[in-house]
Amino acid sequence: MRTHVVTKEIPREVPALAPEQLAEVSEILRLMGEPSRLRILLACLEKPGAVGELAARVGIPRSLVSHHLRLLRASRLLQAEKSGKQVIYSPLDDRVRCIVVDVASHVLEMPEDREAADE
């Protein structure tokens, strides 16, 4: 049996969401669910970068990276900051990292942990 170490307080209940807030949460999860966008988001979490740099790091055409960055920025997952002639994309805040880490940790659980939970 694996021991889980809690490094942050786990909320006791999910906050009540108005219909428009529920739609926004759903849209954010949908955006993060597209593999190319998730790769771009992960690259920005690793190290902020400009469109061309991110495109090279994730192996996706620059125009497509630019499109995905617009969507991620509109959903408030990323922010854009001018640095000279370039625009540098980075996570909006630490909550973005928490979302990705929590979901990745969920996926990376040991298979025997999942089987034990089913019994």
Protein backbone atom coordinates (compact mmCIF):
# COMPACT_ATOMS: atom_id res chain seq x y z
CA MET A 1 0.00 0.00 0.00
CA ARG A 2 1.32 3.41 -0.95
CA THR A 3 1.21 6.29 1.51
CA HIS A 4 -0.01 9.61 0.16
CA VAL A 5 1.59 12.77 1.50
CA VAL A 6 -0.69 15.80 1.47
CA THR A 7 1.26 18.97 0.73
CA LYS A 8 -1.72 21.28 0.54
CA GLU A 9 -5.08 21.51 2.19
CA ILE A 10 -7.72 19.51 0.35
CA PRO A 11 -11.01 21.40 0.04
CA ARG A 12 -13.83 19.69 1.92
CA GLU A 13 -16.46 20.52 -0.67
CA VAL A 14 -16.66 21.68 -4.25
CA PRO A 15 -17.81 25.30 -4.43
CA ALA A 16 -21.31 25.89 -5.76
CA LEU A 17 -21.13 27.04 -9.37
CA ALA A 18 -23.65 29.14 -11.25
CA PRO A 19 -24.50 27.79 -14.72
CA GLU A 20 -22.14 30.25 -16.47
CA GLN A 21 -19.31 29.30 -14.08
CA LEU A 22 -19.96 25.62 -14.71
CA ALA A 23 -19.71 26.32 -18.45
CA GLU A 24 -16.40 28.14 -17.90
CA VAL A 25 -14.93 25.26 -15.87
CA SER A 26 -16.06 22.84 -18.55
CA GLU A 27 -14.45 24.97 -21.27
CA ILE A 28 -11.14 25.16 -19.38
CA LEU A 29 -11.08 21.38 -18.95
CA ARG A 30 -11.94 20.94 -22.64
CA LEU A 31 -9.12 23.26 -23.66
CA MET A 32 -6.63 21.41 -21.47
CA GLY A 33 -7.88 18.09 -22.86
CA GLU A 34 -6.53 18.71 -26.35
CA PRO A 35 -3.07 17.05 -26.53
CA SER A 36 -1.30 19.82 -28.47
CA ARG A 37 -2.59 22.52 -26.13
CA LEU A 38 -1.61 20.45 -23.11
CA ARG A 39 1.91 20.02 -24.51
CA ILE A 40 2.16 23.79 -25.01
CA LEU A 41 0.84 24.43 -21.50
CA LEU A 42 3.36 21.94 -20.06
CA ALA A 43 6.16 23.64 -21.99
CA CYS A 44 5.13 27.02 -20.53
CA LEU A 45 5.05 25.51 -17.04
CA GLU A 46 8.57 24.17 -17.58
CA LYS A 47 9.92 27.44 -18.95
CA PRO A 48 8.04 30.48 -20.30
CA GLY A 49 8.76 31.28 -23.93
CA ALA A 50 7.88 33.08 -27.12
CA VAL A 51 5.77 31.49 -29.88
CA GLY A 52 8.73 30.39 -32.01
CA GLU A 53 10.62 28.95 -29.06
CA LEU A 54 7.57 27.05 -27.81
CA ALA A 55 6.87 25.73 -31.32
CA ALA A 56 10.42 24.36 -31.52
CA ARG A 57 10.21 22.80 -28.05
CA VAL A 58 6.91 20.99 -28.66
CA GLY A 59 7.43 20.22 -32.37
CA ILE A 60 4.22 21.91 -33.55
CA PRO A 61 4.05 24.48 -36.38
CA ARG A 62 4.37 28.07 -35.21
CA SER A 63 0.97 29.12 -36.60
CA LEU A 64 -0.78 26.31 -34.73
CA VAL A 65 1.09 27.13 -31.49
CA SER A 66 0.03 30.76 -31.90
CA HIS A 67 -3.61 29.66 -32.28
CA HIS A 68 -3.46 27.44 -29.19
CA LEU A 69 -1.73 30.17 -27.16
CA ARG A 70 -4.60 32.57 -27.98
CA LEU A 71 -7.10 30.03 -26.64
CA LEU A 72 -5.06 29.28 -23.50
CA ARG A 73 -4.65 32.98 -22.84
CA ALA A 74 -8.37 33.69 -23.37
CA SER A 75 -9.19 30.97 -20.81
CA ARG A 76 -6.83 32.63 -18.30
CA LEU A 77 -4.45 29.67 -18.14
CA LEU A 78 -1.57 31.65 -19.66
CA GLN A 79 -0.52 35.27 -19.65
CA ALA A 80 1.47 37.17 -22.26
CA GLU A 81 4.13 39.72 -21.45
CA LYS A 82 6.07 41.82 -23.95
CA SER A 83 9.83 41.51 -23.78
CA GLY A 84 11.34 43.74 -26.43
CA LYS A 85 9.84 42.64 -29.74
CA GLN A 86 8.76 39.24 -28.41
CA VAL A 87 5.74 38.17 -26.40
CA ILE A 88 6.59 35.68 -23.65
CA TYR A 89 3.91 33.24 -22.53
CA SER A 90 3.81 31.91 -18.98
CA PRO A 91 1.23 30.43 -16.58
CA LEU A 92 -1.16 33.00 -15.19
CA ASP A 93 -0.54 31.84 -11.61
CA ASP A 94 0.39 28.84 -9.45
CA ARG A 95 -3.14 27.44 -9.64
CA VAL A 96 -2.52 26.44 -13.26
CA ARG A 97 0.46 24.35 -12.16
CA CYS A 98 -1.65 22.81 -9.36
CA ILE A 99 -4.37 21.77 -11.82
CA VAL A 100 -1.90 20.07 -14.16
CA VAL A 101 0.10 18.44 -11.34
CA ASP A 102 -3.05 17.12 -9.66
CA VAL A 103 -4.41 15.59 -12.86
CA ALA A 104 -1.01 14.16 -13.84
CA SER A 105 -0.59 12.69 -10.36
CA HIS A 106 -4.01 11.09 -10.64
CA VAL A 107 -3.04 9.48 -13.95
CA LEU A 108 0.36 8.34 -12.64
CA GLU A 109 -1.04 6.45 -9.64
CA MET A 110 0.29 2.94 -9.39
CA PRO A 111 -2.01 0.39 -11.10
CA GLU A 112 -2.10 -1.73 -7.92
CA ASP A 113 -3.49 1.29 -6.06
CA ARG A 114 -6.36 1.46 -8.53
CA GLU A 115 -7.07 -2.27 -8.22
CA ALA A 116 -7.01 -2.08 -4.41
CA ALA A 117 -9.46 0.82 -4.49
CA ASP A 118 -11.88 -1.23 -6.62
CA GLU A 119 -12.01 -4.10 -4.10
